[in-house]
Amino acid sequence: MKLTECNVLELYVGTVFRFKGTYPFTEDHVDFMLCDYPDCNENHIPFALYCVSGYCAGHLEYIFPSDAKSDTSRSISTKWLIEYWEKKVYAECSADEVEVII
């Protein structure tokens, strides 16, 4: 399903986000996975996105700020991610171009 059509309020560790890659990604599609990130500070929460496909697999791509945290569970807010995908996470595509694999 597309991120903008996702009917869950929170996204948990292990969720994969697939989208069309552009430089520096050389593959047709890129997968980012929501992972634990214990090395955070007071401005961030313990979640990050890592690339898990292609040449850039294993690279840390994004550390979530504290306002991305869900209010109800140890997860990130789907609403926040939709709103800020293009502004903060990956500027080369919009949230409606991102496929979510839960």
PDB file of N, CA and C in Angstrom:
ATOM      1  N   MET A   1       0.835  -1.177   0.000  1.00  0.00           N
ATOM      2  CA  MET A   1       0.000   0.000   0.000  1.00  0.00           C
ATOM      3  C   MET A   1       0.880   1.241   0.000  1.00  0.00           C
ATOM      4  N   LYS A   2       0.362   2.330  -0.486  1.00  0.00           N
ATOM      5  CA  LYS A   2       1.077   3.603  -0.496  1.00  0.00           C
ATOM      6  C   LYS A   2       1.061   4.208   0.907  1.00  0.00           C
ATOM      7  N   LEU A   3       2.101   4.943   1.225  1.00  0.00           N
ATOM      8  CA  LEU A   3       2.189   5.579   2.539  1.00  0.00           C
ATOM      9  C   LEU A   3       0.979   6.462   2.800  1.00  0.00           C
ATOM     10  N   THR A   4       0.549   7.209   1.812  1.00  0.00           N
ATOM     11  CA  THR A   4      -0.590   8.116   1.989  1.00  0.00           C
ATOM     12  C   THR A   4      -1.921   7.382   2.133  1.00  0.00           C
ATOM     13  N   GLU A   5      -1.946   6.094   1.815  1.00  0.00           N
ATOM     14  CA  GLU A   5      -3.162   5.292   1.952  1.00  0.00           C
ATOM     15  C   GLU A   5      -3.098   4.359   3.153  1.00  0.00           C
ATOM     16  N   CYS A   6      -2.024   4.445   3.916  1.00  0.00           N
ATOM     17  CA  CYS A   6      -1.802   3.568   5.060  1.00  0.00           C
ATOM     18  C   CYS A   6      -2.843   3.864   6.137  1.00  0.00           C
ATOM     19  N   ASN A   7      -3.549   2.833   6.571  1.00  0.00           N
ATOM     20  CA  ASN A   7      -4.640   3.033   7.518  1.00  0.00           C
ATOM     21  C   ASN A   7      -4.250   2.724   8.965  1.00  0.00           C
ATOM     22  N   VAL A   8      -2.958   2.693   9.259  1.00  0.00           N
ATOM     23  CA  VAL A   8      -2.509   2.503  10.633  1.00  0.00           C
ATOM     24  C   VAL A   8      -1.965   3.825  11.166  1.00  0.00           C
ATOM     25  N   LEU A   9      -2.125   4.045  12.465  1.00  0.00           N
ATOM     26  CA  LEU A   9      -1.690   5.304  13.061  1.00  0.00           C
ATOM     27  C   LEU A   9      -0.199   5.328  13.366  1.00  0.00           C
ATOM     28  N   GLU A  10       0.370   4.136  13.637  1.00  0.00           N
ATOM     29  CA  GLU A  10       1.778   4.043  13.994  1.00  0.00           C
ATOM     30  C   GLU A  10       2.503   3.065  13.092  1.00  0.00           C
ATOM     31  N   LEU A  11       3.804   3.309  12.923  1.00  0.00           N
ATOM     32  CA  LEU A  11       4.658   2.404  12.159  1.00  0.00           C
ATOM     33  C   LEU A  11       5.768   1.924  13.090  1.00  0.00           C
ATOM     34  N   TYR A  12       6.029   0.619  13.030  1.00  0.00           N
ATOM     35  CA  TYR A  12       6.938  -0.014  13.971  1.00  0.00           C
ATOM     36  C   TYR A  12       8.236  -0.454  13.304  1.00  0.00           C
ATOM     37  N   VAL A  13       9.219  -0.746  14.147  1.00  0.00           N
ATOM     38  CA  VAL A  13      10.497  -1.267  13.681  1.00  0.00           C
ATOM     39  C   VAL A  13      10.241  -2.452  12.750  1.00  0.00           C
ATOM     40  N   GLY A  14      10.963  -2.482  11.645  1.00  0.00           N
ATOM     41  CA  GLY A  14      10.796  -3.545  10.655  1.00  0.00           C
ATOM     42  C   GLY A  14       9.969  -3.126   9.453  1.00  0.00           C
ATOM     43  N   THR A  15       9.270  -2.002   9.554  1.00  0.00           N
ATOM     44  CA  THR A  15       8.499  -1.495   8.425  1.00  0.00           C
ATOM     45  C   THR A  15       9.462  -1.069   7.316  1.00  0.00           C
ATOM     46  N   VAL A  16       9.132  -1.441   6.083  1.00  0.00           N
ATOM     47  CA  VAL A  16       9.967  -1.109   4.928  1.00  0.00           C
ATOM     48  C   VAL A  16       9.234  -0.086   4.067  1.00  0.00           C
ATOM     49  N   PHE A  17      10.002   0.870   3.567  1.00  0.00           N
ATOM     50  CA  PHE A  17       9.484   1.912   2.686  1.00  0.00           C
ATOM     51  C   PHE A  17      10.202   1.776   1.347  1.00  0.00           C
ATOM     52  N   ARG A  18       9.456   1.524   0.283  1.00  0.00           N
ATOM     53  CA  ARG A  18      10.029   1.314  -1.056  1.00  0.00           C
ATOM     54  C   ARG A  18       9.611   2.467  -1.959  1.00  0.00           C
ATOM     55  N   PHE A  19      10.580   2.990  -2.687  1.00  0.00           N
ATOM     56  CA  PHE A  19      10.321   4.123  -3.581  1.00  0.00           C
ATOM     57  C   PHE A  19      11.330   4.119  -4.710  1.00  0.00           C
ATOM     58  N   LYS A  20      11.037   4.911  -5.730  1.00  0.00           N
ATOM     59  CA  LYS A  20      11.929   5.027  -6.890  1.00  0.00           C
ATOM     60  C   LYS A  20      13.177   5.782  -6.481  1.00  0.00           C
ATOM     61  N   GLY A  21      14.311   5.183  -6.737  1.00  0.00           N
ATOM     62  CA  GLY A  21      15.568   5.788  -6.334  1.00  0.00           C
ATOM     63  C   GLY A  21      16.118   6.766  -7.351  1.00  0.00           C
ATOM     64  N   THR A  22      16.796   7.766  -6.855  1.00  0.00           N
ATOM     65  CA  THR A  22      17.576   8.686  -7.674  1.00  0.00           C
ATOM     66  C   THR A  22      18.944   8.800  -7.010  1.00  0.00           C
ATOM     67  N   TYR A  23      19.883   9.455  -7.674  1.00  0.00           N
ATOM     68  CA  TYR A  23      21.236   9.571  -7.151  1.00  0.00           C
ATOM     69  C   TYR A  23      21.220   9.967  -5.672  1.00  0.00           C
ATOM     70  N   PRO A  24      21.967   9.319  -4.808  1.00  0.00           N
ATOM     71  CA  PRO A  24      23.083   8.409  -5.053  1.00  0.00           C
ATOM     72  C   PRO A  24      22.675   6.950  -5.229  1.00  0.00           C
ATOM     73  N   PHE A  25      21.387   6.672  -5.204  1.00  0.00           N
ATOM     74  CA  PHE A  25      20.925   5.303  -5.378  1.00  0.00           C
ATOM     75  C   PHE A  25      20.896   4.973  -6.862  1.00  0.00           C
ATOM     76  N   THR A  26      21.478   3.859  -7.237  1.00  0.00           N
ATOM     77  CA  THR A  26      21.574   3.492  -8.646  1.00  0.00           C
ATOM     78  C   THR A  26      20.522   2.475  -9.067  1.00  0.00           C
ATOM     79  N   GLU A  27      19.773   1.946  -8.123  1.00  0.00           N
ATOM     80  CA  GLU A  27      18.758   0.937  -8.410  1.00  0.00           C
ATOM     81  C   GLU A  27      17.443   1.611  -8.831  1.00  0.00           C
ATOM     82  N   ASP A  28      16.588   0.834  -9.485  1.00  0.00           N
ATOM     83  CA  ASP A  28      15.264   1.344  -9.855  1.00  0.00           C
ATOM     84  C   ASP A  28      14.434   1.676  -8.622  1.00  0.00           C
ATOM     85  N   HIS A  29      14.510   0.798  -7.621  1.00  0.00           N
ATOM     86  CA  HIS A  29      13.761   1.000  -6.380  1.00  0.00           C
ATOM     87  C   HIS A  29      14.704   0.873  -5.197  1.00  0.00           C
ATOM     88  N   VAL A  30      14.419   1.658  -4.172  1.00  0.00           N
ATOM     89  CA  VAL A  30      15.224   1.670  -2.957  1.00  0.00           C
ATOM     90  C   VAL A  30      14.323   1.284  -1.792  1.00  0.00           C
ATOM     91  N   ASP A  31      14.862   0.503  -0.868  1.00  0.00           N
ATOM     92  CA  ASP A  31      14.139   0.131   0.339  1.00  0.00           C
ATOM     93  C   ASP A  31      14.832   0.727   1.552  1.00  0.00           C
ATOM     94  N   PHE A  32      14.062   1.466   2.360  1.00  0.00           N
ATOM     95  CA  PHE A  32      14.511   1.930   3.666  1.00  0.00           C
ATOM     96  C   PHE A  32      13.739   1.124   4.700  1.00  0.00           C
ATOM     97  N   MET A  33      14.408   0.763   5.804  1.00  0.00           N
ATOM     98  CA  MET A  33      13.738   0.043   6.887  1.00  0.00           C
ATOM     99  C   MET A  33      13.790   0.871   8.158  1.00  0.00           C
ATOM    100  N   LEU A  34      12.660   0.904   8.860  1.00  0.00           N
ATOM    101  CA  LEU A  34      12.596   1.549  10.162  1.00  0.00           C
ATOM    102  C   LEU A  34      13.285   0.640  11.172  1.00  0.00           C
ATOM    103  N   CYS A  35      14.309   1.164  11.828  1.00  0.00           N
ATOM    104  CA  CYS A  35      15.130   0.367  12.746  1.00  0.00           C
ATOM    105  C   CYS A  35      15.290   1.089  14.080  1.00  0.00           C
ATOM    106  N   ASP A  36      15.668   0.309  15.096  1.00  0.00           N
ATOM    107  CA  ASP A  36      16.064   0.904  16.365  1.00  0.00           C
ATOM    108  C   ASP A  36      17.347   1.679  16.163  1.00  0.00           C
ATOM    109  N   TYR A  37      17.469   2.768  16.879  1.00  0.00           N
ATOM    110  CA  TYR A  37      18.687   3.576  16.840  1.00  0.00           C
ATOM    111  C   TYR A  37      18.953   4.070  18.260  1.00  0.00           C
ATOM    112  N   PRO A  38      19.680   3.284  19.039  1.00  0.00           N
ATOM    113  CA  PRO A  38      19.847   3.612  20.465  1.00  0.00           C
ATOM    114  C   PRO A  38      20.737   4.812  20.743  1.00  0.00           C
ATOM    115  N   ASP A  39      21.555   5.230  19.797  1.00  0.00           N
ATOM    116  CA  ASP A  39      22.498   6.319  20.014  1.00  0.00           C
ATOM    117  C   ASP A  39      21.861   7.662  19.676  1.00  0.00           C
ATOM    118  N   CYS A  40      20.817   8.034  20.421  1.00  0.00           N
ATOM    119  CA  CYS A  40      20.121   9.280  20.123  1.00  0.00           C
ATOM    120  C   CYS A  40      20.307  10.265  21.274  1.00  0.00           C
ATOM    121  N   ASN A  41      19.948  11.509  21.035  1.00  0.00           N
ATOM    122  CA  ASN A  41      20.043  12.536  22.071  1.00  0.00           C
ATOM    123  C   ASN A  41      18.654  13.067  22.391  1.00  0.00           C
ATOM    124  N   GLU A  42      18.576  14.130  23.181  1.00  0.00           N
ATOM    125  CA  GLU A  42      17.281  14.651  23.633  1.00  0.00           C
ATOM    126  C   GLU A  42      16.426  15.209  22.500  1.00  0.00           C
ATOM    127  N   ASN A  43      17.008  15.479  21.344  1.00  0.00           N
ATOM    128  CA  ASN A  43      16.243  16.010  20.213  1.00  0.00           C
ATOM    129  C   ASN A  43      15.707  14.922  19.283  1.00  0.00           C
ATOM    130  N   HIS A  44      16.068  13.693  19.550  1.00  0.00           N
ATOM    131  CA  HIS A  44      15.688  12.585  18.681  1.00  0.00           C
ATOM    132  C   HIS A  44      15.063  11.448  19.480  1.00  0.00           C
ATOM    133  N   ILE A  45      14.408  10.563  18.778  1.00  0.00           N
ATOM    134  CA  ILE A  45      13.862   9.356  19.383  1.00  0.00           C
ATOM    135  C   ILE A  45      14.669   8.168  18.866  1.00  0.00           C
ATOM    136  N   PRO A  46      14.563   7.016  19.506  1.00  0.00           N
ATOM    137  CA  PRO A  46      15.445   5.897  19.131  1.00  0.00           C
ATOM    138  C   PRO A  46      15.006   5.146  17.875  1.00  0.00           C
ATOM    139  N   PHE A  47      14.704   5.888  16.800  1.00  0.00           N
ATOM    140  CA  PHE A  47      14.327   5.284  15.532  1.00  0.00           C
ATOM    141  C   PHE A  47      15.088   5.942  14.398  1.00  0.00           C
ATOM    142  N   ALA A  48      15.432   5.147  13.398  1.00  0.00           N
ATOM    143  CA  ALA A  48      16.144   5.665  12.238  1.00  0.00           C
ATOM    144  C   ALA A  48      15.746   4.848  11.018  1.00  0.00           C
ATOM    145  N   LEU A  49      16.034   5.402   9.862  1.00  0.00           N
ATOM    146  CA  LEU A  49      15.849   4.678   8.611  1.00  0.00           C
ATOM    147  C   LEU A  49      17.221   4.285   8.080  1.00  0.00           C
ATOM    148  N   TYR A  50      17.344   3.017   7.738  1.00  0.00           N
ATOM    149  CA  TYR A  50      18.547   2.505   7.090  1.00  0.00           C
ATOM    150  C   TYR A  50      18.174   2.029   5.701  1.00  0.00           C
ATOM    151  N   CYS A  51      19.055   2.238   4.749  1.00  0.00           N
ATOM    152  CA  CYS A  51      18.873   1.663   3.425  1.00  0.00           C
ATOM    153  C   CYS A  51      19.154   0.166   3.551  1.00  0.00           C
ATOM    154  N   VAL A  52      18.286  -0.661   2.992  1.00  0.00           N
ATOM    155  CA  VAL A  52      18.467  -2.119   3.081  1.00  0.00           C
ATOM    156  C   VAL A  52      18.480  -2.768   1.699  1.00  0.00           C
ATOM    157  N   SER A  53      18.772  -1.974   0.677  1.00  0.00           N
ATOM    158  CA  SER A  53      18.815  -2.535  -0.676  1.00  0.00           C
ATOM    159  C   SER A  53      19.976  -1.928  -1.458  1.00  0.00           C
ATOM    160  N   GLY A  54      20.458  -2.690  -2.428  1.00  0.00           N
ATOM    161  CA  GLY A  54      21.432  -2.188  -3.384  1.00  0.00           C
ATOM    162  C   GLY A  54      22.770  -1.774  -2.816  1.00  0.00           C
ATOM    163  N   TYR A  55      23.435  -0.923  -3.558  1.00  0.00           N
ATOM    164  CA  TYR A  55      24.790  -0.485  -3.251  1.00  0.00           C
ATOM    165  C   TYR A  55      24.887   0.233  -1.904  1.00  0.00           C
ATOM    166  N   CYS A  56      23.862   0.961  -1.517  1.00  0.00           N
ATOM    167  CA  CYS A  56      23.884   1.736  -0.271  1.00  0.00           C
ATOM    168  C   CYS A  56      23.346   0.961   0.932  1.00  0.00           C
ATOM    169  N   ALA A  57      23.092  -0.328   0.770  1.00  0.00           N
ATOM    170  CA  ALA A  57      22.561  -1.130   1.870  1.00  0.00           C
ATOM    171  C   ALA A  57      23.451  -0.999   3.103  1.00  0.00           C
ATOM    172  N   GLY A  58      22.800  -0.813   4.250  1.00  0.00           N
ATOM    173  CA  GLY A  58      23.508  -0.680   5.511  1.00  0.00           C
ATOM    174  C   GLY A  58      23.803   0.750   5.914  1.00  0.00           C
ATOM    175  N   HIS A  59      23.545   1.697   5.035  1.00  0.00           N
ATOM    176  CA  HIS A  59      23.816   3.102   5.351  1.00  0.00           C
ATOM    177  C   HIS A  59      22.670   3.702   6.156  1.00  0.00           C
ATOM    178  N   LEU A  60      23.048   4.446   7.169  1.00  0.00           N
ATOM    179  CA  LEU A  60      22.084   5.219   7.944  1.00  0.00           C
ATOM    180  C   LEU A  60      21.602   6.372   7.072  1.00  0.00           C
ATOM    181  N   GLU A  61      20.293   6.498   6.906  1.00  0.00           N
ATOM    182  CA  GLU A  61      19.734   7.525   6.027  1.00  0.00           C
ATOM    183  C   GLU A  61      19.055   8.664   6.775  1.00  0.00           C
ATOM    184  N   TYR A  62      18.428   8.353   7.918  1.00  0.00           N
ATOM    185  CA  TYR A  62      17.676   9.400   8.614  1.00  0.00           C
ATOM    186  C   TYR A  62      17.460   8.994  10.067  1.00  0.00           C
ATOM    187  N   ILE A  63      17.640   9.951  10.986  1.00  0.00           N
ATOM    188  CA  ILE A  63      17.327   9.757  12.403  1.00  0.00           C
ATOM    189  C   ILE A  63      16.110  10.614  12.711  1.00  0.00           C
ATOM    190  N   PHE A  64      15.085  10.001  13.286  1.00  0.00           N
ATOM    191  CA  PHE A  64      13.826  10.713  13.517  1.00  0.00           C
ATOM    192  C   PHE A  64      13.914  11.693  14.683  1.00  0.00           C
ATOM    193  N   PRO A  65      13.349  12.889  14.506  1.00  0.00           N
ATOM    194  CA  PRO A  65      13.285  13.861  15.595  1.00  0.00           C
ATOM    195  C   PRO A  65      12.208  13.450  16.604  1.00  0.00           C
ATOM    196  N   SER A  66      12.263  14.055  17.766  1.00  0.00           N
ATOM    197  CA  SER A  66      11.337  13.679  18.839  1.00  0.00           C
ATOM    198  C   SER A  66       9.868  13.905  18.474  1.00  0.00           C
ATOM    199  N   ASP A  67       9.568  14.865  17.615  1.00  0.00           N
ATOM    200  CA  ASP A  67       8.163  15.102  17.267  1.00  0.00           C
ATOM    201  C   ASP A  67       7.573  14.045  16.325  1.00  0.00           C
ATOM    202  N   ALA A  68       8.375  13.112  15.853  1.00  0.00           N
ATOM    203  CA  ALA A  68       7.867  12.032  14.995  1.00  0.00           C
ATOM    204  C   ALA A  68       7.302  10.864  15.790  1.00  0.00           C
ATOM    205  N   LYS A  69       7.558  10.849  17.086  1.00  0.00           N
ATOM    206  CA  LYS A  69       7.125   9.723  17.920  1.00  0.00           C
ATOM    207  C   LYS A  69       5.611   9.694  18.062  1.00  0.00           C
ATOM    208  N   SER A  70       5.087   8.488  18.029  1.00  0.00           N
ATOM    209  CA  SER A  70       3.663   8.295  18.268  1.00  0.00           C
ATOM    210  C   SER A  70       3.349   8.626  19.727  1.00  0.00           C
ATOM    211  N   ASP A  71       2.164   9.108  19.975  1.00  0.00           N
ATOM    212  CA  ASP A  71       1.742   9.424  21.343  1.00  0.00           C
ATOM    213  C   ASP A  71       1.295   8.195  22.123  1.00  0.00           C
ATOM    214  N   THR A  72       1.030   7.092  21.426  1.00  0.00           N
ATOM    215  CA  THR A  72       0.406   5.948  22.091  1.00  0.00           C
ATOM    216  C   THR A  72       1.267   4.696  22.210  1.00  0.00           C
ATOM    217  N   SER A  73       2.383   4.617  21.480  1.00  0.00           N
ATOM    218  CA  SER A  73       3.191   3.403  21.544  1.00  0.00           C
ATOM    219  C   SER A  73       4.634   3.694  21.148  1.00  0.00           C
ATOM    220  N   ARG A  74       5.489   2.694  21.266  1.00  0.00           N
ATOM    221  CA  ARG A  74       6.898   2.839  20.868  1.00  0.00           C
ATOM    222  C   ARG A  74       6.981   2.671  19.349  1.00  0.00           C
ATOM    223  N   SER A  75       6.711   3.763  18.673  1.00  0.00           N
ATOM    224  CA  SER A  75       6.618   3.741  17.215  1.00  0.00           C
ATOM    225  C   SER A  75       6.715   5.171  16.704  1.00  0.00           C
ATOM    226  N   ILE A  76       6.664   5.303  15.372  1.00  0.00           N
ATOM    227  CA  ILE A  76       6.599   6.650  14.799  1.00  0.00           C
ATOM    228  C   ILE A  76       5.190   6.895  14.268  1.00  0.00           C
ATOM    229  N   SER A  77       4.833   8.136  14.195  1.00  0.00           N
ATOM    230  CA  SER A  77       3.511   8.529  13.729  1.00  0.00           C
ATOM    231  C   SER A  77       3.443   8.466  12.203  1.00  0.00           C
ATOM    232  N   THR A  78       2.465   7.745  11.701  1.00  0.00           N
ATOM    233  CA  THR A  78       2.258   7.679  10.257  1.00  0.00           C
ATOM    234  C   THR A  78       1.928   9.064   9.707  1.00  0.00           C
ATOM    235  N   LYS A  79       1.112   9.785  10.422  1.00  0.00           N
ATOM    236  CA  LYS A  79       0.726  11.136   9.990  1.00  0.00           C
ATOM    237  C   LYS A  79       1.961  12.030   9.865  1.00  0.00           C
ATOM    238  N   TRP A  80       2.863  11.971  10.845  1.00  0.00           N
ATOM    239  CA  TRP A  80       4.078  12.784  10.793  1.00  0.00           C
ATOM    240  C   TRP A  80       4.903  12.408   9.568  1.00  0.00           C
ATOM    241  N   LEU A  81       5.062  11.109   9.332  1.00  0.00           N
ATOM    242  CA  LEU A  81       5.890  10.657   8.212  1.00  0.00           C
ATOM    243  C   LEU A  81       5.308  11.095   6.872  1.00  0.00           C
ATOM    244  N   ILE A  82       4.008  11.024   6.721  1.00  0.00           N
ATOM    245  CA  ILE A  82       3.365  11.492   5.488  1.00  0.00           C
ATOM    246  C   ILE A  82       3.631  12.992   5.291  1.00  0.00           C
ATOM    247  N   GLU A  83       3.462  13.745   6.354  1.00  0.00           N
ATOM    248  CA  GLU A  83       3.633  15.198   6.260  1.00  0.00           C
ATOM    249  C   GLU A  83       5.080  15.609   5.961  1.00  0.00           C
ATOM    250  N   TYR A  84       6.040  14.890   6.528  1.00  0.00           N
ATOM    251  CA  TYR A  84       7.436  15.317   6.430  1.00  0.00           C
ATOM    252  C   TYR A  84       8.323  14.460   5.533  1.00  0.00           C
ATOM    253  N   TRP A  85       7.763  13.460   4.865  1.00  0.00           N
ATOM    254  CA  TRP A  85       8.592  12.595   4.025  1.00  0.00           C
ATOM    255  C   TRP A  85       9.465  13.409   3.070  1.00  0.00           C
ATOM    256  N   GLU A  86       8.832  14.225   2.277  1.00  0.00           N
ATOM    257  CA  GLU A  86       9.556  14.987   1.253  1.00  0.00           C
ATOM    258  C   GLU A  86      10.370  16.146   1.846  1.00  0.00           C
ATOM    259  N   LYS A  87       9.906  16.716   2.940  1.00  0.00           N
ATOM    260  CA  LYS A  87      10.588  17.854   3.553  1.00  0.00           C
ATOM    261  C   LYS A  87      11.834  17.448   4.328  1.00  0.00           C
ATOM    262  N   LYS A  88      11.794  16.268   4.988  1.00  0.00           N
ATOM    263  CA  LYS A  88      12.893  15.896   5.879  1.00  0.00           C
ATOM    264  C   LYS A  88      13.555  14.561   5.554  1.00  0.00           C
ATOM    265  N   VAL A  89      12.787  13.603   5.070  1.00  0.00           N
ATOM    266  CA  VAL A  89      13.319  12.253   4.908  1.00  0.00           C
ATOM    267  C   VAL A  89      13.981  12.058   3.551  1.00  0.00           C
ATOM    268  N   TYR A  90      13.230  12.264   2.477  1.00  0.00           N
ATOM    269  CA  TYR A  90      13.768  12.041   1.134  1.00  0.00           C
ATOM    270  C   TYR A  90      13.079  12.992   0.163  1.00  0.00           C
ATOM    271  N   ALA A  91      13.775  14.013  -0.253  1.00  0.00           N
ATOM    272  CA  ALA A  91      13.194  15.095  -1.060  1.00  0.00           C
ATOM    273  C   ALA A  91      12.895  14.714  -2.503  1.00  0.00           C
ATOM    274  N   GLU A  92      13.421  13.607  -2.977  1.00  0.00           N
ATOM    275  CA  GLU A  92      13.294  13.250  -4.391  1.00  0.00           C
ATOM    276  C   GLU A  92      11.976  12.568  -4.762  1.00  0.00           C
ATOM    277  N   CYS A  93      11.124  12.295  -3.769  1.00  0.00           N
ATOM    278  CA  CYS A  93       9.790  11.759  -4.085  1.00  0.00           C
ATOM    279  C   CYS A  93       8.828  12.151  -2.973  1.00  0.00           C
ATOM    280  N   SER A  94       7.561  12.176  -3.311  1.00  0.00           N
ATOM    281  CA  SER A  94       6.540  12.540  -2.331  1.00  0.00           C
ATOM    282  C   SER A  94       6.022  11.297  -1.621  1.00  0.00           C
ATOM    283  N   ALA A  95       5.310  11.505  -0.520  1.00  0.00           N
ATOM    284  CA  ALA A  95       4.786  10.395   0.280  1.00  0.00           C
ATOM    285  C   ALA A  95       3.840   9.504  -0.511  1.00  0.00           C
ATOM    286  N   ASP A  96       3.147  10.063  -1.491  1.00  0.00           N
ATOM    287  CA  ASP A  96       2.221   9.237  -2.267  1.00  0.00           C
ATOM    288  C   ASP A  96       2.931   8.329  -3.273  1.00  0.00           C
ATOM    289  N   GLU A  97       4.254   8.463  -3.383  1.00  0.00           N
ATOM    290  CA  GLU A  97       5.039   7.582  -4.240  1.00  0.00           C
ATOM    291  C   GLU A  97       5.763   6.492  -3.441  1.00  0.00           C
ATOM    292  N   VAL A  98       5.552   6.482  -2.134  1.00  0.00           N
ATOM    293  CA  VAL A  98       6.247   5.543  -1.249  1.00  0.00           C
ATOM    294  C   VAL A  98       5.328   4.368  -0.923  1.00  0.00           C
ATOM    295  N   GLU A  99       5.813   3.170  -1.146  1.00  0.00           N
ATOM    296  CA  GLU A  99       5.078   1.960  -0.791  1.00  0.00           C
ATOM    297  C   GLU A  99       5.509   1.524   0.598  1.00  0.00           C
ATOM    298  N   VAL A 100       4.528   1.149   1.427  1.00  0.00           N
ATOM    299  CA  VAL A 100       4.810   0.680   2.785  1.00  0.00           C
ATOM    300  C   VAL A 100       4.627  -0.821   2.832  1.00  0.00           C
ATOM    301  N   ILE A 101       5.628  -1.502   3.373  1.00  0.00           N
ATOM    302  CA  ILE A 101       5.560  -2.957   3.543  1.00  0.00           C
ATOM    303  C   ILE A 101       5.646  -3.227   5.031  1.00  0.00           C
ATOM    304  N   ILE A 102       4.523  -3.631   5.600  1.00  0.00           N
ATOM    305  CA  ILE A 102       4.425  -3.846   7.052  1.00  0.00           C
ATOM    306  C   ILE A 102       4.580  -5.332   7.357  1.00  0.00           C
TER     307      ILE A 102
END
